[in-house]
């Protein structure tokens, strides 16, 4: 599905909601993994996903497919929302300033998120991710979900790009045996 981003061709509601639905599982897994650390002390993964949905909806006109994939853009929005959540814990009630404009699309985004969260496969995926070693969870997050290259992953993990590549291949083979992980891997895999 090709989507444009100019002011005259901004995401139609249906097109945006369809693209969001395609990537909801990956976003849920991203939030689940991100909320295991300090972020989880200030925001719940489900709340984070809802905040991402609101911000992505508001920013949908700025998505430019020439600059990257929708998934990458959505996870970029998610990263900004996560950083903001850490900064604005004290003013949490102001997150949805223009509630009336967002009510209908937010209801649909909430329905998508709830449907994904309620799927048994999602629960199984989260349990499997939780069972991984810390470094492997970080590898899934950085390489599998965010699509960082091996050099960047290696830098974060304190290993060489070659070691990151080998560890990712091993972990990717393991993930391939999980039917519920189909939507987990980056589009660049």
N, C-alpha and C. Protein backbone atom coordinates (compact mmCIF):
# COMPACT_ATOMS: atom_id res chain seq x y z
N UNK A 1 0.85 -1.16 0.00
CA UNK A 1 0.00 0.00 0.00
C UNK A 1 0.89 1.23 0.00
N UNK A 2 0.82 2.04 -1.01
CA UNK A 2 1.65 3.24 -1.13
C UNK A 2 0.90 4.41 -0.52
N UNK A 3 1.55 5.12 0.36
CA UNK A 3 0.94 6.26 1.00
C UNK A 3 1.80 7.47 0.75
N UNK A 4 1.17 8.60 0.52
CA UNK A 4 1.94 9.82 0.31
C UNK A 4 1.84 10.69 1.55
N UNK A 5 2.63 11.75 1.56
CA UNK A 5 2.70 12.54 2.78
C UNK A 5 2.50 14.03 2.59
N UNK A 6 2.25 14.47 1.39
CA UNK A 6 2.06 15.89 1.17
C UNK A 6 0.79 16.39 1.83
N UNK A 7 0.65 17.70 2.04
CA UNK A 7 -0.51 18.23 2.71
C UNK A 7 -1.82 17.90 2.00
N UNK A 8 -1.77 17.80 0.68
CA UNK A 8 -3.00 17.49 -0.05
C UNK A 8 -3.30 16.00 -0.06
N UNK A 9 -2.28 15.18 0.18
CA UNK A 9 -2.46 13.73 0.12
C UNK A 9 -2.18 13.07 1.45
N UNK A 10 -2.41 13.76 2.55
CA UNK A 10 -2.13 13.21 3.88
C UNK A 10 -2.87 11.89 4.05
N UNK A 11 -2.35 11.10 4.95
CA UNK A 11 -2.99 9.82 5.26
C UNK A 11 -4.49 9.99 5.40
N UNK A 12 -5.23 9.23 4.67
CA UNK A 12 -6.65 9.12 4.94
C UNK A 12 -6.77 8.27 6.21
N UNK A 13 -7.83 8.49 6.96
CA UNK A 13 -7.98 7.75 8.22
C UNK A 13 -7.85 6.26 8.00
N UNK A 14 -8.55 5.72 7.01
CA UNK A 14 -8.55 4.28 6.77
C UNK A 14 -7.16 3.76 6.42
N UNK A 15 -6.43 4.50 5.60
CA UNK A 15 -5.09 4.07 5.21
C UNK A 15 -4.15 4.07 6.41
N UNK A 16 -4.24 5.11 7.22
CA UNK A 16 -3.39 5.16 8.41
C UNK A 16 -3.72 4.01 9.35
N UNK A 17 -5.00 3.80 9.61
CA UNK A 17 -5.41 2.73 10.52
C UNK A 17 -4.99 1.36 10.01
N UNK A 18 -5.03 1.16 8.70
CA UNK A 18 -4.60 -0.12 8.12
C UNK A 18 -3.10 -0.32 8.33
N UNK A 19 -2.32 0.71 8.08
CA UNK A 19 -0.87 0.60 8.29
C UNK A 19 -0.54 0.39 9.76
N UNK A 20 -1.23 1.11 10.63
CA UNK A 20 -1.02 0.94 12.07
C UNK A 20 -1.33 -0.51 12.47
N UNK A 21 -2.41 -1.04 11.97
CA UNK A 21 -2.80 -2.41 12.31
C UNK A 21 -1.73 -3.41 11.86
N UNK A 22 -1.10 -3.16 10.71
CA UNK A 22 -0.04 -4.05 10.21
C UNK A 22 1.13 -4.12 11.17
N UNK A 23 1.40 -3.05 11.88
CA UNK A 23 2.59 -2.95 12.72
C UNK A 23 2.28 -2.92 14.22
N UNK A 24 1.03 -3.16 14.58
CA UNK A 24 0.64 -3.10 15.99
C UNK A 24 1.36 -4.14 16.83
N UNK A 25 1.55 -5.35 16.31
CA UNK A 25 2.23 -6.39 17.08
C UNK A 25 3.68 -6.01 17.36
N UNK A 26 4.36 -5.49 16.37
CA UNK A 26 5.75 -5.07 16.56
C UNK A 26 5.82 -3.91 17.55
N UNK A 27 4.89 -2.97 17.47
CA UNK A 27 4.87 -1.86 18.41
C UNK A 27 4.62 -2.35 19.83
N UNK A 28 3.70 -3.30 19.99
CA UNK A 28 3.42 -3.86 21.32
C UNK A 28 4.66 -4.55 21.88
N UNK A 29 5.35 -5.32 21.06
CA UNK A 29 6.57 -6.00 21.51
C UNK A 29 7.64 -4.97 21.87
N UNK A 30 7.78 -3.93 21.06
CA UNK A 30 8.75 -2.87 21.33
C UNK A 30 8.46 -2.24 22.69
N UNK A 31 7.20 -1.89 22.92
CA UNK A 31 6.82 -1.25 24.19
C UNK A 31 7.03 -2.20 25.36
N UNK A 32 6.70 -3.47 25.17
CA UNK A 32 6.90 -4.46 26.23
C UNK A 32 8.37 -4.53 26.62
N UNK A 33 9.25 -4.57 25.63
CA UNK A 33 10.68 -4.64 25.92
C UNK A 33 11.21 -3.32 26.49
N UNK A 34 10.79 -2.21 25.96
CA UNK A 34 11.26 -0.91 26.44
C UNK A 34 10.81 -0.63 27.88
N UNK A 35 9.65 -1.10 28.25
CA UNK A 35 9.10 -0.82 29.58
C UNK A 35 9.61 -1.78 30.66
N UNK A 36 10.60 -2.59 30.34
CA UNK A 36 11.21 -3.46 31.33
C UNK A 36 12.21 -2.69 32.20
N UNK A 37 12.73 -1.59 31.72
CA UNK A 37 13.75 -0.82 32.43
C UNK A 37 13.15 0.39 33.12
N UNK A 38 13.93 1.48 33.17
CA UNK A 38 13.48 2.69 33.86
C UNK A 38 12.16 3.25 33.33
N UNK A 39 11.95 3.13 32.04
CA UNK A 39 10.71 3.65 31.46
C UNK A 39 9.49 2.97 32.09
N UNK A 40 9.60 1.68 32.39
CA UNK A 40 8.49 0.94 32.99
C UNK A 40 8.10 1.43 34.37
N UNK A 41 8.98 2.16 35.03
CA UNK A 41 8.65 2.71 36.34
C UNK A 41 7.74 3.93 36.23
N UNK A 42 7.69 4.54 35.05
CA UNK A 42 6.86 5.74 34.89
C UNK A 42 5.70 5.55 33.92
N UNK A 43 5.75 4.52 33.11
CA UNK A 43 4.66 4.29 32.16
C UNK A 43 4.50 2.80 31.89
N UNK A 44 3.28 2.37 31.80
CA UNK A 44 2.93 0.98 31.47
C UNK A 44 3.05 0.80 29.95
N UNK A 45 3.43 -0.39 29.52
CA UNK A 45 3.59 -0.65 28.08
C UNK A 45 2.31 -0.36 27.31
N UNK A 46 1.17 -0.75 27.85
CA UNK A 46 -0.10 -0.49 27.16
C UNK A 46 -0.37 1.01 27.04
N UNK A 47 -0.06 1.74 28.11
CA UNK A 47 -0.24 3.20 28.07
C UNK A 47 0.71 3.82 27.05
N UNK A 48 1.93 3.31 26.99
CA UNK A 48 2.91 3.82 26.03
C UNK A 48 2.40 3.61 24.60
N UNK A 49 1.86 2.43 24.33
CA UNK A 49 1.33 2.15 22.98
C UNK A 49 0.20 3.12 22.65
N UNK A 50 -0.65 3.41 23.61
CA UNK A 50 -1.75 4.35 23.36
C UNK A 50 -1.21 5.75 23.09
N UNK A 51 -0.19 6.17 23.85
CA UNK A 51 0.40 7.48 23.61
C UNK A 51 1.05 7.54 22.23
N UNK A 52 1.69 6.44 21.84
CA UNK A 52 2.31 6.38 20.50
C UNK A 52 1.22 6.50 19.44
N UNK A 53 0.11 5.82 19.64
CA UNK A 53 -0.99 5.88 18.68
C UNK A 53 -1.49 7.32 18.52
N UNK A 54 -1.65 8.02 19.64
CA UNK A 54 -2.12 9.41 19.59
C UNK A 54 -1.12 10.28 18.84
N UNK A 55 0.16 10.16 19.20
CA UNK A 55 1.18 11.01 18.56
C UNK A 55 1.35 10.66 17.08
N UNK A 56 1.29 9.38 16.75
CA UNK A 56 1.42 8.98 15.34
C UNK A 56 0.23 9.53 14.55
N UNK A 57 -0.95 9.47 15.14
CA UNK A 57 -2.13 10.01 14.47
C UNK A 57 -1.95 11.50 14.21
N UNK A 58 -1.49 12.21 15.22
CA UNK A 58 -1.29 13.66 15.07
C UNK A 58 -0.21 13.98 14.04
N UNK A 59 0.80 13.12 13.94
CA UNK A 59 1.95 13.38 13.06
C UNK A 59 1.82 12.69 11.71
N UNK A 60 0.72 12.05 11.43
CA UNK A 60 0.59 11.23 10.22
C UNK A 60 0.88 11.99 8.94
N UNK A 61 0.61 13.27 8.90
CA UNK A 61 0.86 14.06 7.69
C UNK A 61 2.35 14.25 7.43
N UNK A 62 3.16 14.02 8.44
CA UNK A 62 4.61 14.19 8.27
C UNK A 62 5.30 12.91 7.83
N UNK A 63 4.57 11.78 7.74
CA UNK A 63 5.18 10.55 7.26
C UNK A 63 5.53 10.71 5.78
N UNK A 64 6.76 10.40 5.45
CA UNK A 64 7.23 10.51 4.07
C UNK A 64 7.84 9.16 3.67
N UNK A 65 7.15 8.38 2.83
CA UNK A 65 7.66 7.06 2.46
C UNK A 65 9.01 7.13 1.73
N UNK A 66 9.36 8.28 1.18
CA UNK A 66 10.65 8.42 0.52
C UNK A 66 11.79 8.44 1.54
N UNK A 67 11.47 8.75 2.79
CA UNK A 67 12.50 8.83 3.83
C UNK A 67 12.65 7.54 4.62
N UNK A 68 11.73 6.59 4.45
CA UNK A 68 11.83 5.33 5.18
C UNK A 68 10.49 4.64 5.28
N UNK A 69 10.52 3.51 5.94
CA UNK A 69 9.32 2.68 6.06
C UNK A 69 8.37 3.25 7.12
N UNK A 70 7.11 2.86 7.01
CA UNK A 70 6.13 3.26 8.01
C UNK A 70 6.51 2.71 9.38
N UNK A 71 6.97 1.46 9.41
CA UNK A 71 7.36 0.84 10.68
C UNK A 71 8.49 1.63 11.34
N UNK A 72 9.50 1.99 10.57
CA UNK A 72 10.59 2.78 11.11
C UNK A 72 10.11 4.12 11.63
N UNK A 73 9.23 4.76 10.88
CA UNK A 73 8.66 6.04 11.29
C UNK A 73 7.86 5.86 12.59
N UNK A 74 7.03 4.81 12.65
CA UNK A 74 6.21 4.56 13.83
C UNK A 74 7.08 4.32 15.06
N UNK A 75 8.14 3.52 14.91
CA UNK A 75 9.03 3.28 16.04
C UNK A 75 9.83 4.53 16.40
N UNK A 76 10.09 5.38 15.42
CA UNK A 76 10.70 6.67 15.73
C UNK A 76 9.78 7.54 16.58
N UNK A 77 8.52 7.55 16.21
CA UNK A 77 7.52 8.26 17.01
C UNK A 77 7.49 7.65 18.41
N UNK A 78 7.53 6.33 18.47
CA UNK A 78 7.51 5.64 19.76
C UNK A 78 8.70 6.05 20.63
N UNK A 79 9.86 6.16 20.03
CA UNK A 79 11.05 6.57 20.78
C UNK A 79 10.90 7.98 21.35
N UNK A 80 10.33 8.87 20.56
CA UNK A 80 10.10 10.24 21.04
C UNK A 80 9.07 10.25 22.16
N UNK A 81 8.03 9.45 22.02
CA UNK A 81 7.00 9.39 23.06
C UNK A 81 7.60 8.83 24.35
N UNK A 82 8.42 7.80 24.23
CA UNK A 82 9.04 7.21 25.43
C UNK A 82 9.92 8.23 26.14
N UNK A 83 10.71 8.97 25.37
CA UNK A 83 11.57 10.00 25.97
C UNK A 83 10.73 11.09 26.63
N UNK A 84 9.66 11.47 25.97
CA UNK A 84 8.77 12.49 26.54
C UNK A 84 8.10 11.98 27.81
N UNK A 85 7.73 10.71 27.84
CA UNK A 85 7.08 10.14 29.02
C UNK A 85 7.99 10.25 30.24
N UNK A 86 9.26 10.05 30.02
CA UNK A 86 10.20 10.18 31.12
C UNK A 86 10.29 11.62 31.62
N UNK A 87 10.10 12.57 30.71
CA UNK A 87 10.20 13.99 31.07
C UNK A 87 8.91 14.57 31.63
N UNK A 88 7.78 14.01 31.30
CA UNK A 88 6.53 14.67 31.69
C UNK A 88 5.65 13.87 32.63
N UNK A 89 6.24 13.08 33.47
CA UNK A 89 5.47 12.31 34.44
C UNK A 89 4.57 13.23 35.26
N UNK A 90 5.05 14.38 35.63
CA UNK A 90 4.30 15.30 36.49
C UNK A 90 3.08 15.89 35.80
N UNK A 91 3.10 15.99 34.48
CA UNK A 91 1.97 16.60 33.76
C UNK A 91 1.25 15.60 32.87
N UNK A 92 1.16 14.39 33.30
CA UNK A 92 0.57 13.29 32.54
C UNK A 92 -0.87 13.56 32.08
N UNK A 93 -1.62 14.27 32.82
CA UNK A 93 -3.02 14.50 32.47
C UNK A 93 -3.19 15.34 31.22
N UNK A 94 -2.15 16.01 30.74
CA UNK A 94 -2.25 16.88 29.56
C UNK A 94 -1.93 16.16 28.26
N UNK A 95 -1.78 14.83 28.27
CA UNK A 95 -1.37 14.09 27.08
C UNK A 95 -2.35 14.25 25.91
N UNK A 96 -3.65 14.22 26.22
CA UNK A 96 -4.65 14.32 25.15
C UNK A 96 -5.33 15.69 25.15
N UNK A 97 -4.60 16.72 24.77
CA UNK A 97 -5.12 18.08 24.81
C UNK A 97 -6.33 18.33 23.94
N UNK A 98 -6.38 17.77 22.76
CA UNK A 98 -7.50 18.01 21.84
C UNK A 98 -8.31 16.73 21.71
N UNK A 99 -8.93 16.33 22.79
CA UNK A 99 -9.63 15.07 22.87
C UNK A 99 -10.74 14.90 21.83
N UNK A 100 -11.53 15.94 21.59
CA UNK A 100 -12.67 15.80 20.70
C UNK A 100 -12.25 15.48 19.26
N UNK A 101 -11.16 16.05 18.77
CA UNK A 101 -10.68 15.78 17.41
C UNK A 101 -10.18 14.35 17.26
N UNK A 102 -9.76 13.75 18.37
CA UNK A 102 -9.11 12.44 18.32
C UNK A 102 -10.03 11.30 18.68
N UNK A 103 -11.22 11.58 19.17
CA UNK A 103 -12.06 10.55 19.75
C UNK A 103 -12.31 9.36 18.82
N UNK A 104 -12.78 9.60 17.61
CA UNK A 104 -13.12 8.50 16.70
C UNK A 104 -11.89 7.69 16.25
N UNK A 105 -10.84 8.32 15.71
CA UNK A 105 -9.68 7.52 15.32
C UNK A 105 -9.02 6.83 16.51
N UNK A 106 -9.02 7.48 17.67
CA UNK A 106 -8.41 6.86 18.84
C UNK A 106 -9.18 5.62 19.28
N UNK A 107 -10.49 5.65 19.11
CA UNK A 107 -11.29 4.48 19.45
C UNK A 107 -10.87 3.30 18.57
N UNK A 108 -10.64 3.56 17.29
CA UNK A 108 -10.20 2.49 16.37
C UNK A 108 -8.80 2.02 16.72
N UNK A 109 -7.88 2.94 17.00
CA UNK A 109 -6.52 2.56 17.38
C UNK A 109 -6.53 1.75 18.67
N UNK A 110 -7.37 2.14 19.62
CA UNK A 110 -7.48 1.40 20.87
C UNK A 110 -8.01 0.00 20.61
N UNK A 111 -8.98 -0.12 19.73
CA UNK A 111 -9.53 -1.43 19.39
C UNK A 111 -8.45 -2.31 18.79
N UNK A 112 -7.65 -1.77 17.89
CA UNK A 112 -6.56 -2.55 17.28
C UNK A 112 -5.58 -3.00 18.35
N UNK A 113 -5.16 -2.08 19.21
CA UNK A 113 -4.19 -2.41 20.26
C UNK A 113 -4.74 -3.46 21.22
N UNK A 114 -5.99 -3.31 21.62
CA UNK A 114 -6.59 -4.30 22.52
C UNK A 114 -6.68 -5.67 21.85
N UNK A 115 -7.06 -5.68 20.58
CA UNK A 115 -7.17 -6.95 19.87
C UNK A 115 -5.82 -7.65 19.81
N UNK A 116 -4.77 -6.89 19.51
CA UNK A 116 -3.43 -7.47 19.45
C UNK A 116 -3.01 -7.97 20.83
N UNK A 117 -3.23 -7.15 21.86
CA UNK A 117 -2.83 -7.51 23.22
C UNK A 117 -3.57 -8.76 23.70
N UNK A 118 -4.82 -8.91 23.34
CA UNK A 118 -5.63 -10.02 23.81
C UNK A 118 -5.33 -11.34 23.08
N UNK A 119 -4.69 -11.26 21.96
CA UNK A 119 -4.39 -12.47 21.23
C UNK A 119 -3.47 -13.35 22.07
N UNK A 120 -3.80 -14.61 22.15
CA UNK A 120 -2.99 -15.55 22.92
C UNK A 120 -1.55 -15.57 22.43
N UNK A 121 -1.38 -15.43 21.14
CA UNK A 121 -0.03 -15.45 20.57
C UNK A 121 0.81 -14.29 21.12
N UNK A 122 0.19 -13.14 21.34
CA UNK A 122 0.93 -12.01 21.89
C UNK A 122 1.41 -12.32 23.30
N UNK A 123 0.55 -12.92 24.11
CA UNK A 123 0.95 -13.30 25.47
C UNK A 123 2.08 -14.31 25.43
N UNK A 124 1.99 -15.26 24.52
CA UNK A 124 3.05 -16.26 24.39
C UNK A 124 4.35 -15.61 23.94
N UNK A 125 4.25 -14.67 23.02
CA UNK A 125 5.44 -13.96 22.55
C UNK A 125 6.09 -13.18 23.68
N UNK A 126 5.30 -12.47 24.46
CA UNK A 126 5.85 -11.70 25.58
C UNK A 126 6.52 -12.63 26.58
N UNK A 127 5.91 -13.76 26.87
CA UNK A 127 6.51 -14.72 27.80
C UNK A 127 7.83 -15.25 27.24
N UNK A 128 7.87 -15.54 25.95
CA UNK A 128 9.10 -16.02 25.32
C UNK A 128 10.18 -14.95 25.34
N UNK A 129 9.80 -13.70 25.08
CA UNK A 129 10.77 -12.60 25.13
C UNK A 129 11.30 -12.41 26.54
N UNK A 130 10.41 -12.53 27.52
CA UNK A 130 10.83 -12.38 28.91
C UNK A 130 11.80 -13.48 29.33
N UNK A 131 11.70 -14.66 28.71
CA UNK A 131 12.57 -15.79 29.05
C UNK A 131 13.98 -15.65 28.45
N UNK A 132 14.14 -14.74 27.49
CA UNK A 132 15.45 -14.54 26.88
C UNK A 132 16.40 -13.87 27.86
N UNK A 133 17.67 -14.07 27.65
CA UNK A 133 18.69 -13.36 28.42
C UNK A 133 18.59 -11.86 28.12
N UNK A 134 19.04 -11.02 29.04
CA UNK A 134 18.95 -9.57 28.87
C UNK A 134 19.56 -9.10 27.55
N UNK A 135 20.76 -9.59 27.22
CA UNK A 135 21.42 -9.18 25.98
C UNK A 135 20.62 -9.62 24.75
N UNK A 136 20.00 -10.78 24.82
CA UNK A 136 19.20 -11.25 23.69
C UNK A 136 17.94 -10.39 23.53
N UNK A 137 17.31 -10.00 24.64
CA UNK A 137 16.15 -9.11 24.55
C UNK A 137 16.56 -7.78 23.93
N UNK A 138 17.72 -7.28 24.33
CA UNK A 138 18.22 -6.02 23.76
C UNK A 138 18.50 -6.18 22.27
N UNK A 139 19.01 -7.33 21.88
CA UNK A 139 19.28 -7.62 20.47
C UNK A 139 17.97 -7.67 19.66
N UNK A 140 16.94 -8.30 20.22
CA UNK A 140 15.63 -8.33 19.55
C UNK A 140 15.10 -6.91 19.39
N UNK A 141 15.23 -6.13 20.43
CA UNK A 141 14.74 -4.75 20.41
C UNK A 141 15.49 -3.92 19.37
N UNK A 142 16.81 -3.94 19.44
CA UNK A 142 17.61 -3.07 18.58
C UNK A 142 17.66 -3.53 17.13
N UNK A 143 17.90 -4.80 16.91
CA UNK A 143 18.05 -5.32 15.54
C UNK A 143 16.71 -5.76 14.96
N UNK A 144 15.99 -6.59 15.73
CA UNK A 144 14.75 -7.16 15.21
C UNK A 144 13.62 -6.17 15.06
N UNK A 145 13.45 -5.31 16.05
CA UNK A 145 12.34 -4.36 16.00
C UNK A 145 12.74 -3.02 15.40
N UNK A 146 13.84 -2.45 15.89
CA UNK A 146 14.23 -1.12 15.44
C UNK A 146 15.04 -1.15 14.15
N UNK A 147 15.58 -2.32 13.78
CA UNK A 147 16.28 -2.46 12.51
C UNK A 147 17.66 -1.81 12.46
N UNK A 148 18.29 -1.60 13.62
CA UNK A 148 19.64 -1.03 13.62
C UNK A 148 20.61 -2.00 12.96
N UNK A 149 21.66 -1.48 12.35
CA UNK A 149 22.65 -2.36 11.73
C UNK A 149 23.53 -2.99 12.81
N UNK A 150 24.31 -4.00 12.42
CA UNK A 150 25.11 -4.77 13.38
C UNK A 150 26.14 -3.90 14.08
N UNK A 151 26.71 -2.92 13.38
CA UNK A 151 27.70 -2.05 14.00
C UNK A 151 27.07 -1.24 15.14
N UNK A 152 25.88 -0.69 14.91
CA UNK A 152 25.20 0.09 15.94
C UNK A 152 24.79 -0.80 17.12
N UNK A 153 24.30 -1.99 16.82
CA UNK A 153 23.92 -2.93 17.87
C UNK A 153 25.15 -3.32 18.69
N UNK A 154 26.24 -3.61 17.99
CA UNK A 154 27.48 -3.97 18.68
C UNK A 154 27.95 -2.86 19.60
N UNK A 155 27.83 -1.63 19.14
CA UNK A 155 28.25 -0.50 19.96
C UNK A 155 27.44 -0.42 21.24
N UNK A 156 26.12 -0.59 21.14
CA UNK A 156 25.25 -0.54 22.32
C UNK A 156 25.57 -1.69 23.27
N UNK A 157 25.79 -2.89 22.71
CA UNK A 157 26.04 -4.07 23.53
C UNK A 157 27.50 -4.21 23.97
N UNK A 158 28.36 -3.38 23.41
CA UNK A 158 29.77 -3.45 23.78
C UNK A 158 30.49 -4.64 23.17
N UNK A 159 30.06 -5.02 21.95
CA UNK A 159 30.69 -6.12 21.23
C UNK A 159 30.99 -5.66 19.80
N UNK A 160 31.74 -6.46 19.07
CA UNK A 160 32.04 -6.10 17.68
C UNK A 160 30.81 -6.28 16.80
N UNK A 161 30.84 -5.64 15.64
CA UNK A 161 29.76 -5.80 14.67
C UNK A 161 29.65 -7.26 14.24
N UNK A 162 30.80 -7.92 14.08
CA UNK A 162 30.79 -9.34 13.68
C UNK A 162 30.14 -10.20 14.76
N UNK A 163 30.46 -9.93 16.03
CA UNK A 163 29.84 -10.69 17.12
C UNK A 163 28.34 -10.43 17.17
N UNK A 164 27.94 -9.17 16.95
CA UNK A 164 26.51 -8.84 16.93
C UNK A 164 25.82 -9.58 15.80
N UNK A 165 26.47 -9.65 14.64
CA UNK A 165 25.90 -10.35 13.50
C UNK A 165 25.70 -11.84 13.79
N UNK A 166 26.71 -12.45 14.37
CA UNK A 166 26.62 -13.88 14.70
C UNK A 166 25.55 -14.15 15.75
N UNK A 167 25.51 -13.30 16.77
CA UNK A 167 24.50 -13.48 17.82
C UNK A 167 23.10 -13.26 17.25
N UNK A 168 22.97 -12.28 16.35
CA UNK A 168 21.67 -12.03 15.75
C UNK A 168 21.23 -13.22 14.90
N UNK A 169 22.13 -13.79 14.13
CA UNK A 169 21.77 -14.94 13.29
C UNK A 169 21.29 -16.11 14.16
N UNK A 170 22.00 -16.36 15.25
CA UNK A 170 21.60 -17.44 16.16
C UNK A 170 20.21 -17.14 16.75
N UNK A 171 20.02 -15.92 17.20
CA UNK A 171 18.74 -15.54 17.80
C UNK A 171 17.63 -15.52 16.75
N UNK A 172 17.94 -15.07 15.56
CA UNK A 172 16.95 -15.05 14.47
C UNK A 172 16.48 -16.46 14.12
N UNK A 173 17.42 -17.41 14.12
CA UNK A 173 17.04 -18.81 13.89
C UNK A 173 16.09 -19.30 14.98
N UNK A 174 16.35 -18.89 16.21
CA UNK A 174 15.47 -19.25 17.33
C UNK A 174 14.10 -18.60 17.16
N UNK A 175 14.08 -17.32 16.81
CA UNK A 175 12.82 -16.61 16.62
C UNK A 175 12.00 -17.21 15.49
N UNK A 176 12.66 -17.73 14.47
CA UNK A 176 11.95 -18.33 13.33
C UNK A 176 11.12 -19.53 13.75
N UNK A 177 11.45 -20.14 14.88
CA UNK A 177 10.67 -21.29 15.36
C UNK A 177 9.44 -20.85 16.14
N UNK A 178 9.31 -19.57 16.42
CA UNK A 178 8.16 -19.04 17.16
C UNK A 178 7.13 -18.54 16.16
N UNK A 179 6.02 -19.23 15.98
CA UNK A 179 5.02 -18.75 15.01
C UNK A 179 4.50 -17.36 15.35
N UNK A 180 4.45 -17.03 16.63
CA UNK A 180 3.92 -15.73 17.04
C UNK A 180 4.90 -14.58 16.77
N UNK A 181 6.10 -14.88 16.31
CA UNK A 181 7.11 -13.84 16.07
C UNK A 181 7.15 -13.39 14.62
N UNK A 182 6.20 -13.81 13.80
CA UNK A 182 6.21 -13.47 12.38
C UNK A 182 6.34 -11.98 12.12
N UNK A 183 5.64 -11.16 12.91
CA UNK A 183 5.65 -9.71 12.70
C UNK A 183 6.74 -9.01 13.48
N UNK A 184 7.56 -9.79 14.19
CA UNK A 184 8.53 -9.20 15.10
C UNK A 184 9.75 -8.63 14.40
N UNK A 185 10.23 -9.30 13.39
CA UNK A 185 11.48 -8.90 12.76
C UNK A 185 11.33 -7.66 11.90
N UNK A 186 12.36 -6.88 11.86
CA UNK A 186 12.39 -5.66 11.07
C UNK A 186 12.10 -5.96 9.62
N UNK A 187 11.56 -4.99 8.92
CA UNK A 187 11.26 -5.14 7.49
C UNK A 187 12.52 -5.36 6.68
N UNK A 188 13.68 -5.04 7.23
CA UNK A 188 14.93 -5.15 6.52
C UNK A 188 15.59 -6.52 6.67
N UNK A 189 14.90 -7.44 7.30
CA UNK A 189 15.47 -8.77 7.51
C UNK A 189 15.34 -9.61 6.27
